[in-house]
C-alpha atoms as a PDB file:
ATOM      1  CA  MET A   1     -28.599 239.929-161.105  1.00  0.00           C
ATOM      2  CA  GLN A   2     -25.992 241.049-158.374  1.00  0.00           C
ATOM      3  CA  LEU A   3     -26.902 237.198-156.478  1.00  0.00           C
ATOM      4  CA  HIS A   4     -26.417 235.575-159.603  1.00  0.00           C
ATOM      5  CA  ARG A   5     -22.968 237.145-160.555  1.00  0.00           C
ATOM      6  CA  SER A   6     -21.436 236.375-156.738  1.00  0.00           C
ATOM      7  CA  LEU A   7     -22.781 232.565-157.173  1.00  0.00           C
ATOM      8  CA  ILE A   8     -21.600 231.978-161.072  1.00  0.00           C
ATOM      9  CA  SER A   9     -18.011 233.537-158.350  1.00  0.00           C
ATOM     10  CA  LEU A  10     -18.442 231.079-156.085  1.00  0.00           C
ATOM     11  CA  ILE A  11     -18.443 228.195-157.898  1.00  0.00           C
ATOM     12  CA  ILE A  12     -15.944 229.379-160.543  1.00  0.00           C
ATOM     13  CA  ALA A  13     -13.567 229.737-157.373  1.00  0.00           C
ATOM     14  CA  VAL A  14     -14.400 226.065-156.195  1.00  0.00           C
ATOM     15  CA  ILE A  15     -13.841 224.811-159.774  1.00  0.00           C
ATOM     16  CA  VAL A  16     -10.767 226.049-159.731  1.00  0.00           C
ATOM     17  CA  LEU A  17      -9.314 225.113-156.254  1.00  0.00           C
ATOM     18  CA  ILE A  18     -10.771 221.511-157.148  1.00  0.00           C
ATOM     19  CA  LEU A  19      -9.110 221.515-160.711  1.00  0.00           C
ATOM     20  CA  ILE A  20      -5.727 223.114-158.290  1.00  0.00           C
ATOM     21  CA  SER A  21      -6.288 219.820-155.945  1.00  0.00           C
ATOM     22  CA  GLN A  22      -6.091 217.859-158.831  1.00  0.00           C
ATOM     23  CA  SER A  23      -3.257 218.974-160.439  1.00  0.00           C
ATOM     24  CA  VAL A  24      -0.426 218.096-157.424  1.00  0.00           C
ATOM     25  CA  GLY A  25      -0.105 215.366-155.467  1.00  0.00           C
ATOM     26  CA  LEU A  26       2.655 215.250-152.125  1.00  0.00           C
ATOM     27  CA  VAL A  27       5.731 212.887-151.456  1.00  0.00           C
ATOM     28  CA  VAL A  28       6.761 213.212-147.916  1.00  0.00           C
ATOM     29  CA  GLN A  29      10.321 213.118-146.794  1.00  0.00           C
ATOM     30  CA  GLY A  30      11.270 209.385-146.891  1.00  0.00           C
ATOM     31  CA  GLN A  31       9.638 208.410-149.668  1.00  0.00           C
ATOM     32  CA  THR A  32      10.072 208.499-153.601  1.00  0.00           C
ATOM     33  CA  GLY A  33       7.455 209.312-155.767  1.00  0.00           C
ATOM     34  CA  VAL A  34       5.613 207.924-159.109  1.00  0.00           C
ATOM     35  CA  ARG A  35       3.569 209.745-161.340  1.00  0.00           C
ATOM     36  CA  LEU A  36       0.457 208.128-162.851  1.00  0.00           C
ATOM     37  CA  ASN A  37      -1.275 208.818-166.184  1.00  0.00           C
ATOM     38  CA  ALA A  38      -4.401 206.904-165.772  1.00  0.00           C
ATOM     39  CA  GLY A  39      -3.075 204.217-163.963  1.00  0.00           C
ATOM     40  CA  GLN A  40       0.125 203.878-166.187  1.00  0.00           C
ATOM     41  CA  VAL A  41       3.526 204.938-164.545  1.00  0.00           C
ATOM     42  CA  ALA A  42       4.534 208.168-166.397  1.00  0.00           C
ATOM     43  CA  ALA A  43       7.494 209.083-163.867  1.00  0.00           C
ATOM     44  CA  THR A  44       9.360 208.337-160.741  1.00  0.00           C
ATOM     45  CA  GLY A  45      12.101 209.203-158.616  1.00  0.00           C
ATOM     46  CA  LEU A  46      10.107 211.930-157.160  1.00  0.00           C
ATOM     47  CA  GLU A  47      11.701 213.777-155.023  1.00  0.00           C
ATOM     48  CA  PRO A  48      10.065 214.944-152.160  1.00  0.00           C
ATOM     49  CA  GLY A  49       7.203 217.773-152.202  1.00  0.00           C
ATOM     50  CA  LEU A  50       4.554 219.081-154.663  1.00  0.00           C
ATOM     51  CA  HIS A  51       3.937 217.684-158.112  1.00  0.00           C
ATOM     52  CA  LEU A  52       1.698 218.417-161.050  1.00  0.00           C
ATOM     53  CA  ARG A  53      -0.330 215.973-162.519  1.00  0.00           C
ATOM     54  CA  VAL A  54      -3.160 215.200-164.890  1.00  0.00           C
ATOM     55  CA  PRO A  55      -6.312 216.270-163.126  1.00  0.00           C
ATOM     56  CA  PHE A  56      -8.415 213.651-162.203  1.00  0.00           C
ATOM     57  CA  LEU A  57      -6.746 210.808-164.025  1.00  0.00           C
ATOM     58  CA  GLY A  58      -2.988 211.141-162.750  1.00  0.00           C
ATOM     59  CA  ARG A  59      -1.782 210.804-159.089  1.00  0.00           C
ATOM     60  CA  ILE A  60       1.113 211.190-157.304  1.00  0.00           C
ATOM     61  CA  VAL A  61       1.936 208.384-155.256  1.00  0.00           C
ATOM     62  CA  GLY A  62       4.936 207.857-152.356  1.00  0.00           C
ATOM     63  CA  LEU A  63       6.436 204.848-151.871  1.00  0.00           C
ATOM     64  CA  ASP A  64       9.050 204.030-149.688  1.00  0.00           C
ATOM     65  CA  SER A  65      12.542 204.586-149.242  1.00  0.00           C
ATOM     66  CA  GLY A  66      13.806 202.765-146.703  1.00  0.00           C
ATOM     67  CA  ALA A  67      13.713 199.491-145.656  1.00  0.00           C
ATOM     68  CA  ILE A  68      10.468 197.281-144.763  1.00  0.00           C
ATOM     69  CA  ILE A  69       9.744 195.308-142.649  1.00  0.00           C
ATOM     70  CA  LEU A  70       7.888 191.898-143.394  1.00  0.00           C
ATOM     71  CA  ASN A  71       6.415 189.961-140.659  1.00  0.00           C
ATOM     72  CA  SER A  72       5.594 186.999-141.102  1.00  0.00           C
ATOM     73  CA  GLU A  73       2.326 186.507-138.077  1.00  0.00           C
ATOM     74  CA  GLN A  74       0.622 189.548-139.597  1.00  0.00           C
ATOM     75  CA  LEU A  75       0.133 188.433-142.593  1.00  0.00           C
ATOM     76  CA  ASN A  76       0.134 184.492-141.987  1.00  0.00           C
ATOM     77  CA  GLY A  77      -2.228 184.905-139.150  1.00  0.00           C
ATOM     78  CA  GLY A  78      -0.042 183.357-136.577  1.00  0.00           C
ATOM     79  CA  ARG A  79       3.029 180.729-137.013  1.00  0.00           C
ATOM     80  CA  THR A  80       3.979 179.312-140.273  1.00  0.00           C
ATOM     81  CA  LYS A  81       4.100 174.970-139.743  1.00  0.00           C
ATOM     82  CA  VAL A  82       7.178 173.396-140.903  1.00  0.00           C
ATOM     83  CA  THR A  83       8.094 169.908-141.213  1.00  0.00           C
ATOM     84  CA  THR A  84      11.899 168.925-140.577  1.00  0.00           C
ATOM     85  CA  ALA A  85      14.196 166.250-141.856  1.00  0.00           C
ATOM     86  CA  ASP A  86      13.266 164.157-139.123  1.00  0.00           C
ATOM     87  CA  GLY A  87       9.587 163.869-139.676  1.00  0.00           C
ATOM     88  CA  LYS A  88       8.218 166.833-136.627  1.00  0.00           C
ATOM     89  CA  THR A  89       6.702 169.737-136.759  1.00  0.00           C
ATOM     90  CA  LEU A  90       7.946 173.125-136.147  1.00  0.00           C
ATOM     91  CA  GLU A  91       6.172 176.953-136.002  1.00  0.00           C
ATOM     92  CA  ALA A  92       8.233 179.552-136.903  1.00  0.00           C
ATOM     93  CA  ALA A  93       7.971 183.311-137.013  1.00  0.00           C
ATOM     94  CA  TYR A  94      10.685 185.064-139.155  1.00  0.00           C
ATOM     95  CA  LEU A  95      10.889 189.121-140.094  1.00  0.00           C
ATOM     96  CA  ALA A  96      12.331 190.350-143.685  1.00  0.00           C
ATOM     97  CA  VAL A  97      13.999 193.100-144.568  1.00  0.00           C
ATOM     98  CA  TRP A  98      13.176 194.386-148.237  1.00  0.00           C
ATOM     99  CA  ARG A  99      13.321 198.162-150.477  1.00  0.00           C
ATOM    100  CA  ILE A 100      12.110 198.738-153.498  1.00  0.00           C
ATOM    101  CA  LYS A 101      14.715 199.437-156.075  1.00  0.00           C
ATOM    102  CA  ASP A 102      12.743 199.844-158.945  1.00  0.00           C
ATOM    103  CA  ALA A 103       9.334 202.113-158.590  1.00  0.00           C
ATOM    104  CA  GLY A 104       8.229 201.458-161.842  1.00  0.00           C
ATOM    105  CA  ALA A 105       8.565 197.427-162.081  1.00  0.00           C
ATOM    106  CA  PHE A 106       6.942 197.365-158.095  1.00  0.00           C
ATOM    107  CA  CYS A 107       3.664 200.160-159.225  1.00  0.00           C
ATOM    108  CA  ARG A 108       3.260 197.647-162.498  1.00  0.00           C
ATOM    109  CA  ALA A 109       3.369 194.568-160.659  1.00  0.00           C
ATOM    110  CA  THR A 110       1.336 195.025-157.478  1.00  0.00           C
ATOM    111  CA  GLY A 111       0.055 198.591-158.605  1.00  0.00           C
ATOM    112  CA  CYS A 112       1.849 200.492-155.750  1.00  0.00           C
ATOM    113  CA  ASP A 113       0.317 198.613-152.943  1.00  0.00           C
ATOM    114  CA  GLU A 114       3.151 198.593-150.127  1.00  0.00           C
ATOM    115  CA  SER A 115       0.988 195.890-148.338  1.00  0.00           C
ATOM    116  CA  ALA A 116       0.494 193.678-151.522  1.00  0.00           C
ATOM    117  CA  GLY A 117       4.427 193.865-152.443  1.00  0.00           C
ATOM    118  CA  ALA A 118       5.212 192.107-148.943  1.00  0.00           C
ATOM    119  CA  ARG A 119       2.458 189.108-149.522  1.00  0.00           C
ATOM    120  CA  ARG A 120       4.332 188.274-152.891  1.00  0.00           C
ATOM    121  CA  ILE A 121       7.541 188.231-150.811  1.00  0.00           C
ATOM    122  CA  ASN A 122       6.069 186.447-148.125  1.00  0.00           C
ATOM    123  CA  ASP A 123       4.237 183.886-150.851  1.00  0.00           C
ATOM    124  CA  ALA A 124       8.286 183.543-152.176  1.00  0.00           C
ATOM    125  CA  LEU A 125      10.037 183.082-149.007  1.00  0.00           C
ATOM    126  CA  THR A 126       7.409 180.764-147.473  1.00  0.00           C
ATOM    127  CA  PRO A 127       8.623 177.465-149.765  1.00  0.00           C
ATOM    128  CA  LEU A 128      12.084 178.510-149.561  1.00  0.00           C
ATOM    129  CA  LEU A 129      11.756 178.083-145.587  1.00  0.00           C
ATOM    130  CA  GLN A 130      10.062 174.960-145.840  1.00  0.00           C
ATOM    131  CA  LYS A 131      13.150 173.625-147.716  1.00  0.00           C
ATOM    132  CA  VAL A 132      15.687 174.729-145.863  1.00  0.00           C
ATOM    133  CA  PHE A 133      14.219 172.755-142.359  1.00  0.00           C
ATOM    134  CA  ALA A 134      13.110 169.696-144.420  1.00  0.00           C
ATOM    135  CA  ALA A 135      16.603 169.694-144.730  1.00  0.00           C
ATOM    136  CA  HIS A 136      18.109 169.517-140.855  1.00  0.00           C
ATOM    137  CA  LYS A 137      16.748 167.555-137.628  1.00  0.00           C
ATOM    138  CA  SER A 138      13.964 169.665-135.885  1.00  0.00           C
ATOM    139  CA  ALA A 139      17.263 169.544-132.679  1.00  0.00           C
ATOM    140  CA  ASP A 140      19.580 170.557-134.831  1.00  0.00           C
ATOM    141  CA  LEU A 141      17.213 173.885-135.931  1.00  0.00           C
ATOM    142  CA  LEU A 142      16.244 174.445-131.901  1.00  0.00           C
ATOM    143  CA  ALA A 143      20.096 173.953-130.577  1.00  0.00           C
ATOM    144  CA  GLY A 144      20.313 177.249-132.529  1.00  0.00           C
ATOM    145  CA  ASN A 145      21.680 176.660-136.127  1.00  0.00           C
ATOM    146  CA  ALA A 146      18.566 177.528-137.980  1.00  0.00           C
ATOM    147  CA  PRO A 147      20.037 181.578-137.808  1.00  0.00           C
ATOM    148  CA  ALA A 148      22.881 180.926-140.380  1.00  0.00           C
ATOM    149  CA  LEU A 149      20.888 178.219-142.916  1.00  0.00           C
ATOM    150  CA  LEU A 150      18.819 181.763-143.521  1.00  0.00           C
ATOM    151  CA  ALA A 151      21.692 183.801-144.799  1.00  0.00           C
ATOM    152  CA  GLU A 152      21.421 182.275-148.526  1.00  0.00           C
ATOM    153  CA  LEU A 153      17.966 183.159-148.479  1.00  0.00           C
ATOM    154  CA  PRO A 154      17.874 187.385-149.980  1.00  0.00           C
ATOM    155  CA  GLY A 155      20.422 186.050-152.944  1.00  0.00           C
ATOM    156  CA  LYS A 156      17.384 183.643-154.203  1.00  0.00           C
ATOM    157  CA  LEU A 157      14.233 185.578-153.821  1.00  0.00           C
ATOM    158  CA  ASP A 158      15.806 188.348-155.345  1.00  0.00           C
ATOM    159  CA  THR A 159      16.503 185.989-158.451  1.00  0.00           C
ATOM    160  CA  SER A 160      12.147 185.198-157.716  1.00  0.00           C
ATOM    161  CA  LEU A 161      10.891 188.406-156.899  1.00  0.00           C
ATOM    162  CA  GLN A 162      13.672 190.348-159.585  1.00  0.00           C
ATOM    163  CA  SER A 163       9.903 191.278-161.354  1.00  0.00           C
ATOM    164  CA  LEU A 164       8.752 192.714-158.780  1.00  0.00           C
ATOM    165  CA  GLY A 165      11.608 195.628-158.616  1.00  0.00           C
ATOM    166  CA  VAL A 166      12.233 194.707-154.594  1.00  0.00           C
ATOM    167  CA  THR A 167      15.100 193.594-153.385  1.00  0.00           C
ATOM    168  CA  VAL A 168      15.083 191.205-149.982  1.00  0.00           C
ATOM    169  CA  GLN A 169      18.349 192.280-147.889  1.00  0.00           C
ATOM    170  CA  SER A 170      17.849 189.669-144.462  1.00  0.00           C
ATOM    171  CA  VAL A 171      15.605 187.118-143.269  1.00  0.00           C
ATOM    172  CA  HIS A 172      15.912 187.013-139.500  1.00  0.00           C
ATOM    173  CA  LEU A 173      13.854 184.092-136.922  1.00  0.00           C
ATOM    174  CA  THR A 174      12.338 185.341-134.269  1.00  0.00           C
ATOM    175  CA  GLN A 175      10.268 182.392-133.136  1.00  0.00           C
ATOM    176  CA  LEU A 176      10.994 178.499-133.561  1.00  0.00           C
ATOM    177  CA  ALA A 177       9.321 176.393-131.084  1.00  0.00           C
ATOM    178  CA  LEU A 178       7.276 173.111-131.387  1.00  0.00           C
ATOM    179  CA  PRO A 179       3.287 172.999-131.498  1.00  0.00           C
ATOM    180  CA  PRO A 180       1.759 173.799-128.052  1.00  0.00           C
ATOM    181  CA  ASP A 181       0.654 169.977-128.057  1.00  0.00           C
ATOM    182  CA  GLN A 182       3.459 168.602-128.700  1.00  0.00           C
ATOM    183  CA  LEU A 183       5.739 170.960-126.067  1.00  0.00           C
ATOM    184  CA  ASP A 184       3.066 169.939-123.342  1.00  0.00           C
ATOM    185  CA  ALA A 185       4.109 166.013-124.068  1.00  0.00           C
ATOM    186  CA  VAL A 186       7.874 167.219-123.839  1.00  0.00           C
ATOM    187  CA  TYR A 187       7.347 168.990-120.525  1.00  0.00           C
ATOM    188  CA  ALA A 188       5.423 166.350-119.304  1.00  0.00           C
ATOM    189  CA  ARG A 189       8.734 164.227-120.389  1.00  0.00           C
ATOM    190  CA  MET A 190      10.936 166.158-118.399  1.00  0.00           C
ATOM    191  CA  ARG A 191       8.994 166.357-115.505  1.00  0.00           C
ATOM    192  CA  ASP A 192       8.958 162.538-115.266  1.00  0.00           C
ATOM    193  CA  ALA A 193      12.763 162.624-116.037  1.00  0.00           C
ATOM    194  CA  GLN A 194      13.486 165.542-113.196  1.00  0.00           C
ATOM    195  CA  SER A 195      11.167 163.293-110.681  1.00  0.00           C
ATOM    196  CA  THR A 196      13.251 160.176-111.590  1.00  0.00           C
ATOM    197  CA  GLN A 197      16.093 161.690-111.543  1.00  0.00           C
ATOM    198  CA  ALA A 198      15.016 163.480-107.904  1.00  0.00           C
ATOM    199  CA  ALA A 199      13.748 159.582-105.891  1.00  0.00           C
ATOM    200  CA  GLN A 200      17.590 158.364-107.565  1.00  0.00           C
ATOM    201  CA  VAL A 201      19.269 161.411-105.448  1.00  0.00           C
ATOM    202  CA  HIS A 202      16.566 161.299-102.359  1.00  0.00           C
ATOM    203  CA  ALA A 203      17.736 157.599-102.283  1.00  0.00           C
ATOM    204  CA  GLN A 204      21.550 157.831-102.891  1.00  0.00           C
ATOM    205  CA  GLY A 205      21.465 160.257-100.108  1.00  0.00           C
ATOM    206  CA  VAL A 206      18.876 158.249 -97.724  1.00  0.00           C
ATOM    207  CA  ALA A 207      22.167 155.247 -98.753  1.00  0.00           C
ATOM    208  CA  GLY A 208      24.850 157.843 -97.689  1.00  0.00           C
ATOM    209  CA  ALA A 209      22.874 159.320 -94.792  1.00  0.00           C
ATOM    210  CA  ASP A 210      22.880 155.641 -93.382  1.00  0.00           C
ATOM    211  CA  GLN A 211      26.249 154.674 -94.172  1.00  0.00           C
ATOM    212  CA  ILE A 212      27.504 157.764 -92.307  1.00  0.00           C
ATOM    213  CA  ARG A 213      25.480 156.980 -89.234  1.00  0.00           C
ATOM    214  CA  ALA A 214      27.416 153.360 -89.390  1.00  0.00           C
ATOM    215  CA  GLN A 215      30.934 154.851 -89.918  1.00  0.00           C
ATOM    216  CA  ALA A 216      29.744 157.076 -86.974  1.00  0.00           C
ATOM    217  CA  ASP A 217      27.986 154.699 -84.828  1.00  0.00           C
ATOM    218  CA  GLN A 218      31.351 152.481 -85.133  1.00  0.00           C
ATOM    219  CA  GLN A 219      33.940 155.509 -84.370  1.00  0.00           C
ATOM    220  CA  LYS A 220      31.721 155.896 -81.096  1.00  0.00           C
ATOM    221  CA  ALA A 221      31.895 152.270 -80.523  1.00  0.00           C
ATOM    222  CA  ALA A 222      35.620 151.994 -80.919  1.00  0.00           C
ATOM    223  CA  ILE A 223      36.514 154.870 -79.105  1.00  0.00           C
ATOM    224  CA  LEU A 224      34.333 154.124 -76.291  1.00  0.00           C
ATOM    225  CA  ALA A 225      35.903 150.880 -75.900  1.00  0.00           C
ATOM    226  CA  LYS A 226      39.505 152.309 -76.059  1.00  0.00           C
ATOM    227  CA  ALA A 227      38.222 154.597 -73.001  1.00  0.00           C
ATOM    228  CA  GLU A 228      36.882 151.869 -71.246  1.00  0.00           C
ATOM    229  CA  VAL A 229      40.846 149.942 -71.918  1.00  0.00           C
ATOM    230  CA  GLN A 230      42.174 153.375 -71.087  1.00  0.00           C
ATOM    231  CA  ALA A 231      40.435 153.746 -67.776  1.00  0.00           C
ATOM    232  CA  GLN A 232      39.962 150.129 -66.970  1.00  0.00           C
ATOM    233  CA  THR A 233      43.975 150.410 -67.056  1.00  0.00           C
ATOM    234  CA  ILE A 234      44.418 153.699 -65.058  1.00  0.00           C
ATOM    235  CA  ARG A 235      41.895 152.396 -62.275  1.00  0.00           C
ATOM    236  CA  GLY A 236      44.422 149.070 -62.176  1.00  0.00           C
ATOM    237  CA  GLN A 237      47.226 151.282 -62.091  1.00  0.00           C
ATOM    238  CA  ALA A 238      46.017 153.301 -59.278  1.00  0.00           C
ATOM    239  CA  GLN A 239      44.639 150.250 -57.336  1.00  0.00           C
ATOM    240  CA  ALA A 240      48.628 148.827 -57.546  1.00  0.00           C
ATOM    241  CA  GLU A 241      49.768 152.247 -56.920  1.00  0.00           C
ATOM    242  CA  ALA A 242      47.654 151.898 -53.218  1.00  0.00           C
ATOM    243  CA  ALA A 243      48.640 148.650 -52.494  1.00  0.00           C
ATOM    244  CA  ALA A 244      51.917 149.413 -53.125  1.00  0.00           C
ATOM    245  CA  ILE A 245      51.297 152.991 -50.689  1.00  0.00           C
ATOM    246  CA  TYR A 246      49.784 150.329 -47.959  1.00  0.00           C
ATOM    247  CA  ALA A 247      52.324 147.662 -47.909  1.00  0.00           C
ATOM    248  CA  ARG A 248      54.767 150.379 -47.780  1.00  0.00           C
ATOM    249  CA  ALA A 249      52.595 151.873 -44.836  1.00  0.00           C
ATOM    250  CA  TYR A 250      52.203 147.932 -43.439  1.00  0.00           C
ATOM    251  CA  ASN A 251      55.975 147.154 -43.351  1.00  0.00           C
ATOM    252  CA  GLN A 252      57.227 150.597 -41.752  1.00  0.00           C
ATOM    253  CA  ASP A 253      54.672 150.761 -38.718  1.00  0.00           C
ATOM    254  CA  PRO A 254      52.179 147.398 -38.615  1.00  0.00           C
ATOM    255  CA  GLU A 255      50.354 148.617 -35.925  1.00  0.00           C
ATOM    256  CA  PHE A 256      49.382 151.901 -37.321  1.00  0.00           C
ATOM    257  CA  PHE A 257      48.210 150.666 -40.349  1.00  0.00           C
ATOM    258  CA  ARG A 258      46.140 147.908 -39.045  1.00  0.00           C
ATOM    259  CA  PHE A 259      44.616 150.933 -36.478  1.00  0.00           C
ATOM    260  CA  TYR A 260      44.000 153.216 -40.156  1.00  0.00           C
ATOM    261  CA  ARG A 261      42.378 150.020 -41.463  1.00  0.00           C
ATOM    262  CA  SER A 262      39.882 150.472 -38.934  1.00  0.00           C
ATOM    263  CA  LEU A 263      39.468 153.768 -39.118  1.00  0.00           C
ATOM    264  CA  GLN A 264      38.095 153.293 -42.811  1.00  0.00           C
ATOM    265  CA  ALA A 265      36.035 150.403 -41.721  1.00  0.00           C
ATOM    266  CA  TYR A 266      33.955 151.924 -39.353  1.00  0.00           C
ATOM    267  CA  LYS A 267      33.935 155.009 -41.772  1.00  0.00           C
ATOM    268  CA  ARG A 268      32.085 153.391 -44.156  1.00  0.00           C
ATOM    269  CA  THR A 269      29.961 151.544 -41.728  1.00  0.00           C
ATOM    270  CA  ILE A 270      28.829 154.984 -39.830  1.00  0.00           C
ATOM    271  CA  GLN A 271      28.129 156.176 -43.413  1.00  0.00           C
ATOM    272  CA  ASN A 272      24.527 156.461 -42.573  1.00  0.00           C
ATOM    273  CA  HIS A 273      24.140 159.268 -39.786  1.00  0.00           C
ATOM    274  CA  ASN A 274      21.282 157.303 -38.040  1.00  0.00           C
ATOM    275  CA  SER A 275      23.925 154.044 -37.616  1.00  0.00           C
ATOM    276  CA  VAL A 276      24.152 152.739 -34.340  1.00  0.00           C
ATOM    277  CA  ILE A 277      27.695 150.489 -33.893  1.00  0.00           C
ATOM    278  CA  VAL A 278      27.293 148.593 -30.560  1.00  0.00           C
ATOM    279  CA  LEU A 279      31.425 147.751 -28.851  1.00  0.00           C
ATOM    280  CA  GLY A 280      32.148 145.427 -26.118  1.00  0.00           C
ATOM    281  CA  PRO A 281      35.111 146.492 -24.011  1.00  0.00           C
ATOM    282  CA  ASP A 282      37.148 143.778 -24.900  1.00  0.00           C
ATOM    283  CA  SER A 283      36.338 145.318 -28.834  1.00  0.00           C
ATOM    284  CA  GLY A 284      39.922 145.363 -30.671  1.00  0.00           C
ATOM    285  CA  PHE A 285      38.912 148.563 -31.758  1.00  0.00           C
ATOM    286  CA  LEU A 286      38.588 150.362 -28.286  1.00  0.00           C
ATOM    287  CA  LYS A 287      41.912 149.045 -27.288  1.00  0.00           C
ATOM    288  CA  TYR A 288      43.391 152.445 -29.301  1.00  0.00           C
ATOM    289  CA  PHE A 289      42.543 154.431 -27.065  1.00  0.00           C
ATOM    290  CA  ASP A 290      43.028 152.667 -24.175  1.00  0.00           C
ATOM    291  CA  GLY A 291      45.970 155.110 -23.458  1.00  0.00           C
ATOM    292  CA  LEU A 292      43.379 157.558 -24.321  1.00  0.00           C
ATOM    293  CA  LYS A 293      42.197 157.960 -20.062  1.00  0.00           C
ATOM    294  CA  ALA A 294      41.842 161.213 -18.751  1.00  0.00           C
ATOM    295  CA  PRO A 295      44.565 161.423 -15.722  1.00  0.00           C
ATOM    296  CA  PRO A 296      42.842 160.969 -12.413  1.00  0.00           C
ATOM    297  CA  ALA A 297      41.569 164.215 -10.737  1.00  0.00           C
ATOM    298  CA  LYS A 298      43.836 166.116  -8.084  1.00  0.00           C
ATOM    299  CA  GLN A 299      43.064 165.844  -4.157  1.00  0.00           C
ATOM    300  CA  PRO A 300      42.168 169.559  -2.838  1.00  0.00           C
END
């Protein structure tokens, strides 16, 4: 009997705990709470904390009360393709910042599912983006003008999403580029253009170098010619001065001048130390030594 009573008490305690757990719900900080009864919105704007609910039929749902970020690449499985006014295809990725302004309307539209709300917003946003890009050329968009074109999108989205109970605060492009296959073609054209430009610069450099060398050769030839003229002039002046000196020396002492010229002639002749000169007693050169004979020795 005692065991039977203990078992009944345990069952009652478990039932009470289950009833208590099914009777309350928690709203955490940073959320706004919604009370649902049998799937219908019973109350909104619940503050963070514990709140009562109908056991088994009701539940407390916490929704983000702050800004929520929609990432297009996560929702679309990659970038979104858009077509520009000039028929070019671009790939775009974007973020949308949105908030839940009417929790009741949001829960009635999405079942209090924030992911479902993000998909609804993205479904409304994508056609608007397509329309914006279709009105502008790819060059203008890629030049950095696209972000300014998205400023009017939040207002248009709020109108179309009024029944969803949300407001879109801003839309931001995170990426805008050509598809990879077109990008490779652009890179190839850029490389070809750079190669052509490099070849032109090289050709211009070679031509410029040849011109500089030609000018340098001309300057060198002119300098050498001028130097040769100056050298010839100096040699001519020196020879004229030497001739004048010889003439003055000859006029002052003709005999000594002839002697000096003879010495110079023999000097040039016997520059090779192995040279031998044979002179006769009547040589004109030896006559200058006649007066240099040694005096006769004295008799003891």
